């Protein structure tokens, strides 16, 4: 049985994070963007999922006053659908709550059905639309909220 862990993202994780990022997204973040997030952005909080010592996913959010805004969640494609996303989201919610958040929000592509199901199962509800949010993909974003952490 695999040993699964969730911990805070560190600079030494960035090579592995970029592998996940590049495999998960058509317009991935740069190394500089992640470095900025974890070294200079006091609002940012990032976690990683590790399986048997190998980084297989990550997630992050910004804590703005008492709201946690999810910036991204990503897993290696071969680890999707195995419950790691749920585990990571639960840890993100718990971390946000411990830091004083009372609600959490995120944007998701309407076509990303697995992510929408993950968020809905956890109690997130659709509350709005950001037109052309994913301009490079020609897609809007659904705004989802979890009101009580």
C-alpha atoms as a PDB file:
ATOM      1  CA  UNK A   1       0.000   0.000   0.000  1.00  0.00           C
ATOM      2  CA  UNK A   2       1.255   3.448  -0.929  1.00  0.00           C
ATOM      3  CA  UNK A   3       2.310   5.910   1.732  1.00  0.00           C
ATOM      4  CA  UNK A   4       0.506   9.227   1.135  1.00  0.00           C
ATOM      5  CA  UNK A   5       1.437  12.524   2.771  1.00  0.00           C
ATOM      6  CA  UNK A   6       0.417  16.156   2.523  1.00  0.00           C
ATOM      7  CA  UNK A   7       2.776  18.921   3.562  1.00  0.00           C
ATOM      8  CA  UNK A   8       3.640  22.543   2.894  1.00  0.00           C
ATOM      9  CA  UNK A   9       5.250  23.254  -0.474  1.00  0.00           C
ATOM     10  CA  UNK A  10       8.956  24.141  -0.324  1.00  0.00           C
ATOM     11  CA  UNK A  11      11.307  25.686  -2.862  1.00  0.00           C
ATOM     12  CA  UNK A  12      12.988  22.311  -3.249  1.00  0.00           C
ATOM     13  CA  UNK A  13       9.652  20.971  -4.580  1.00  0.00           C
ATOM     14  CA  UNK A  14       9.528  23.324  -7.568  1.00  0.00           C
ATOM     15  CA  UNK A  15      11.026  20.977 -10.174  1.00  0.00           C
ATOM     16  CA  UNK A  16       8.423  18.327  -9.337  1.00  0.00           C
ATOM     17  CA  UNK A  17       5.636  20.923  -9.060  1.00  0.00           C
ATOM     18  CA  UNK A  18       6.471  22.151 -12.560  1.00  0.00           C
ATOM     19  CA  UNK A  19       6.200  18.600 -13.913  1.00  0.00           C
ATOM     20  CA  UNK A  20       2.688  18.368 -12.434  1.00  0.00           C
ATOM     21  CA  UNK A  21       1.812  21.859 -13.656  1.00  0.00           C
ATOM     22  CA  UNK A  22       2.965  21.198 -17.213  1.00  0.00           C
ATOM     23  CA  UNK A  23       1.127  17.881 -17.413  1.00  0.00           C
ATOM     24  CA  UNK A  24      -2.081  19.223 -15.868  1.00  0.00           C
ATOM     25  CA  UNK A  25      -2.556  22.568 -17.651  1.00  0.00           C
ATOM     26  CA  UNK A  26      -2.392  23.819 -21.222  1.00  0.00           C
ATOM     27  CA  UNK A  27      -1.175  27.232 -19.987  1.00  0.00           C
ATOM     28  CA  UNK A  28       1.057  26.371 -17.034  1.00  0.00           C
ATOM     29  CA  UNK A  29       2.491  28.760 -14.500  1.00  0.00           C
ATOM     30  CA  UNK A  30       6.204  29.519 -14.683  1.00  0.00           C
ATOM     31  CA  UNK A  31       8.825  28.640 -12.093  1.00  0.00           C
ATOM     32  CA  UNK A  32       9.075  32.362 -11.295  1.00  0.00           C
ATOM     33  CA  UNK A  33       5.349  32.489 -10.539  1.00  0.00           C
ATOM     34  CA  UNK A  34       5.620  29.611  -8.064  1.00  0.00           C
ATOM     35  CA  UNK A  35       8.773  31.066  -6.506  1.00  0.00           C
ATOM     36  CA  UNK A  36       6.975  34.374  -5.990  1.00  0.00           C
ATOM     37  CA  UNK A  37       3.994  32.612  -4.442  1.00  0.00           C
ATOM     38  CA  UNK A  38       5.939  30.579  -1.896  1.00  0.00           C
ATOM     39  CA  UNK A  39       8.709  33.041  -1.032  1.00  0.00           C
ATOM     40  CA  UNK A  40       7.170  36.513  -1.262  1.00  0.00           C
ATOM     41  CA  UNK A  41       3.368  36.365  -1.194  1.00  0.00           C
ATOM     42  CA  UNK A  42       2.211  36.510   2.427  1.00  0.00           C
ATOM     43  CA  UNK A  43      -1.344  35.675   1.328  1.00  0.00           C
ATOM     44  CA  UNK A  44      -0.320  32.436  -0.384  1.00  0.00           C
ATOM     45  CA  UNK A  45      -0.453  28.954   1.153  1.00  0.00           C
ATOM     46  CA  UNK A  46       0.548  25.899  -0.897  1.00  0.00           C
ATOM     47  CA  UNK A  47       0.463  22.195  -0.071  1.00  0.00           C
ATOM     48  CA  UNK A  48       1.840  19.184  -1.923  1.00  0.00           C
ATOM     49  CA  UNK A  49       0.687  15.566  -2.131  1.00  0.00           C
ATOM     50  CA  UNK A  50       3.484  13.025  -1.866  1.00  0.00           C
ATOM     51  CA  UNK A  51       3.105   9.313  -2.648  1.00  0.00           C
ATOM     52  CA  UNK A  52       5.953   7.042  -1.562  1.00  0.00           C
ATOM     53  CA  UNK A  53       8.287  10.050  -1.519  1.00  0.00           C
ATOM     54  CA  UNK A  54       7.278  11.331  -4.978  1.00  0.00           C
ATOM     55  CA  UNK A  55       5.392  14.609  -5.413  1.00  0.00           C
ATOM     56  CA  UNK A  56       2.205  13.812  -7.365  1.00  0.00           C
ATOM     57  CA  UNK A  57       0.130  16.959  -6.861  1.00  0.00           C
ATOM     58  CA  UNK A  58      -0.236  20.333  -5.255  1.00  0.00           C
ATOM     59  CA  UNK A  59      -2.817  22.939  -4.355  1.00  0.00           C
ATOM     60  CA  UNK A  60      -2.796  26.502  -3.163  1.00  0.00           C
ATOM     61  CA  UNK A  61      -4.921  29.355  -1.983  1.00  0.00           C
ATOM     62  CA  UNK A  62      -4.669  32.968  -0.976  1.00  0.00           C
ATOM     63  CA  UNK A  63      -6.083  33.996   2.376  1.00  0.00           C
ATOM     64  CA  UNK A  64      -7.650  37.450   1.966  1.00  0.00           C
ATOM     65  CA  UNK A  65      -9.209  38.624   5.226  1.00  0.00           C
ATOM     66  CA  UNK A  66     -11.482  35.680   6.112  1.00  0.00           C
ATOM     67  CA  UNK A  67     -11.850  34.249   2.599  1.00  0.00           C
ATOM     68  CA  UNK A  68      -9.644  31.564   1.084  1.00  0.00           C
ATOM     69  CA  UNK A  69      -9.374  31.891  -2.701  1.00  0.00           C
ATOM     70  CA  UNK A  70      -8.120  28.702  -4.355  1.00  0.00           C
ATOM     71  CA  UNK A  71      -5.489  29.536  -6.961  1.00  0.00           C
ATOM     72  CA  UNK A  72      -4.955  26.036  -8.293  1.00  0.00           C
ATOM     73  CA  UNK A  73      -5.176  22.320  -7.611  1.00  0.00           C
ATOM     74  CA  UNK A  74      -3.353  19.849  -9.842  1.00  0.00           C
ATOM     75  CA  UNK A  75      -2.430  16.183  -9.848  1.00  0.00           C
ATOM     76  CA  UNK A  76      -0.418  14.105 -12.251  1.00  0.00           C
ATOM     77  CA  UNK A  77      -2.960  12.660 -14.703  1.00  0.00           C
ATOM     78  CA  UNK A  78      -2.254   9.075 -13.604  1.00  0.00           C
ATOM     79  CA  UNK A  79      -3.177  10.013 -10.014  1.00  0.00           C
ATOM     80  CA  UNK A  80      -6.474  11.678 -10.857  1.00  0.00           C
ATOM     81  CA  UNK A  81      -9.612   9.847  -9.782  1.00  0.00           C
ATOM     82  CA  UNK A  82      -7.843   8.021  -6.939  1.00  0.00           C
ATOM     83  CA  UNK A  83      -9.064  10.268  -4.099  1.00  0.00           C
ATOM     84  CA  UNK A  84      -5.935  12.413  -3.891  1.00  0.00           C
ATOM     85  CA  UNK A  85      -7.831  15.509  -5.026  1.00  0.00           C
ATOM     86  CA  UNK A  86     -10.375  15.063  -2.227  1.00  0.00           C
ATOM     87  CA  UNK A  87      -7.635  14.511   0.321  1.00  0.00           C
ATOM     88  CA  UNK A  88      -5.756  17.595  -0.856  1.00  0.00           C
ATOM     89  CA  UNK A  89      -8.896  19.745  -0.876  1.00  0.00           C
ATOM     90  CA  UNK A  90      -9.746  18.647   2.680  1.00  0.00           C
ATOM     91  CA  UNK A  91      -6.264  19.628   3.854  1.00  0.00           C
ATOM     92  CA  UNK A  92      -6.555  22.971   2.084  1.00  0.00           C
ATOM     93  CA  UNK A  93      -9.909  23.621   3.759  1.00  0.00           C
ATOM     94  CA  UNK A  94      -8.536  22.635   7.166  1.00  0.00           C
ATOM     95  CA  UNK A  95      -5.447  24.814   6.689  1.00  0.00           C
ATOM     96  CA  UNK A  96      -7.576  27.785   5.610  1.00  0.00           C
ATOM     97  CA  UNK A  97      -9.880  27.299   8.588  1.00  0.00           C
ATOM     98  CA  UNK A  98      -6.938  27.126  10.995  1.00  0.00           C
ATOM     99  CA  UNK A  99      -5.657  30.399   9.496  1.00  0.00           C
ATOM    100  CA  UNK A 100      -8.995  32.123  10.145  1.00  0.00           C
ATOM    101  CA  UNK A 101     -10.927  31.640   6.897  1.00  0.00           C
ATOM    102  CA  UNK A 102     -14.678  31.205   7.148  1.00  0.00           C
ATOM    103  CA  UNK A 103     -15.350  30.614   3.443  1.00  0.00           C
ATOM    104  CA  UNK A 104     -13.542  29.427   0.332  1.00  0.00           C
ATOM    105  CA  UNK A 105     -14.002  30.307  -3.323  1.00  0.00           C
ATOM    106  CA  UNK A 106     -12.562  29.216  -6.645  1.00  0.00           C
ATOM    107  CA  UNK A 107     -12.987  29.442 -10.394  1.00  0.00           C
ATOM    108  CA  UNK A 108     -13.313  26.348 -12.557  1.00  0.00           C
ATOM    109  CA  UNK A 109     -13.815  25.743 -16.270  1.00  0.00           C
ATOM    110  CA  UNK A 110     -17.364  24.547 -17.063  1.00  0.00           C
ATOM    111  CA  UNK A 111     -15.811  21.764 -19.162  1.00  0.00           C
ATOM    112  CA  UNK A 112     -13.740  20.468 -16.221  1.00  0.00           C
ATOM    113  CA  UNK A 113     -16.393  18.032 -15.062  1.00  0.00           C
ATOM    114  CA  UNK A 114     -14.154  15.991 -12.713  1.00  0.00           C
ATOM    115  CA  UNK A 115     -13.095  19.123 -10.812  1.00  0.00           C
ATOM    116  CA  UNK A 116     -16.655  20.424 -10.643  1.00  0.00           C
ATOM    117  CA  UNK A 117     -17.784  17.074  -9.202  1.00  0.00           C
ATOM    118  CA  UNK A 118     -14.963  17.156  -6.641  1.00  0.00           C
ATOM    119  CA  UNK A 119     -15.950  20.635  -5.478  1.00  0.00           C
ATOM    120  CA  UNK A 120     -19.686  19.908  -5.485  1.00  0.00           C
ATOM    121  CA  UNK A 121     -19.212  16.737  -3.419  1.00  0.00           C
ATOM    122  CA  UNK A 122     -17.430  18.855  -0.807  1.00  0.00           C
ATOM    123  CA  UNK A 123     -20.293  21.375  -0.697  1.00  0.00           C
ATOM    124  CA  UNK A 124     -19.130  24.096  -3.074  1.00  0.00           C
ATOM    125  CA  UNK A 125     -22.013  25.718  -4.958  1.00  0.00           C
ATOM    126  CA  UNK A 126     -21.976  27.663  -8.214  1.00  0.00           C
ATOM    127  CA  UNK A 127     -22.624  31.352  -7.586  1.00  0.00           C
ATOM    128  CA  UNK A 128     -21.553  33.176 -10.704  1.00  0.00           C
ATOM    129  CA  UNK A 129     -19.723  33.323 -13.984  1.00  0.00           C
ATOM    130  CA  UNK A 130     -16.598  35.155 -15.115  1.00  0.00           C
ATOM    131  CA  UNK A 131     -16.934  35.599 -18.894  1.00  0.00           C
ATOM    132  CA  UNK A 132     -13.868  34.629 -20.937  1.00  0.00           C
ATOM    133  CA  UNK A 133     -11.832  34.062 -17.745  1.00  0.00           C
ATOM    134  CA  UNK A 134      -9.788  31.395 -19.505  1.00  0.00           C
ATOM    135  CA  UNK A 135      -9.261  33.529 -22.598  1.00  0.00           C
ATOM    136  CA  UNK A 136      -6.534  31.285 -24.013  1.00  0.00           C
ATOM    137  CA  UNK A 137      -9.051  28.408 -23.973  1.00  0.00           C
ATOM    138  CA  UNK A 138     -12.049  30.514 -24.979  1.00  0.00           C
ATOM    139  CA  UNK A 139     -13.890  29.499 -21.812  1.00  0.00           C
ATOM    140  CA  UNK A 140     -15.752  31.230 -19.045  1.00  0.00           C
ATOM    141  CA  UNK A 141     -15.189  30.356 -15.390  1.00  0.00           C
ATOM    142  CA  UNK A 142     -17.800  29.177 -12.955  1.00  0.00           C
ATOM    143  CA  UNK A 143     -17.390  30.812  -9.555  1.00  0.00           C
ATOM    144  CA  UNK A 144     -17.965  28.342  -6.740  1.00  0.00           C
ATOM    145  CA  UNK A 145     -18.220  29.003  -3.013  1.00  0.00           C
ATOM    146  CA  UNK A 146     -18.053  26.976   0.165  1.00  0.00           C
ATOM    147  CA  UNK A 147     -19.712  29.220   2.724  1.00  0.00           C
ATOM    148  CA  UNK A 148     -18.819  27.506   5.989  1.00  0.00           C
ATOM    149  CA  UNK A 149     -15.484  25.836   6.445  1.00  0.00           C
END
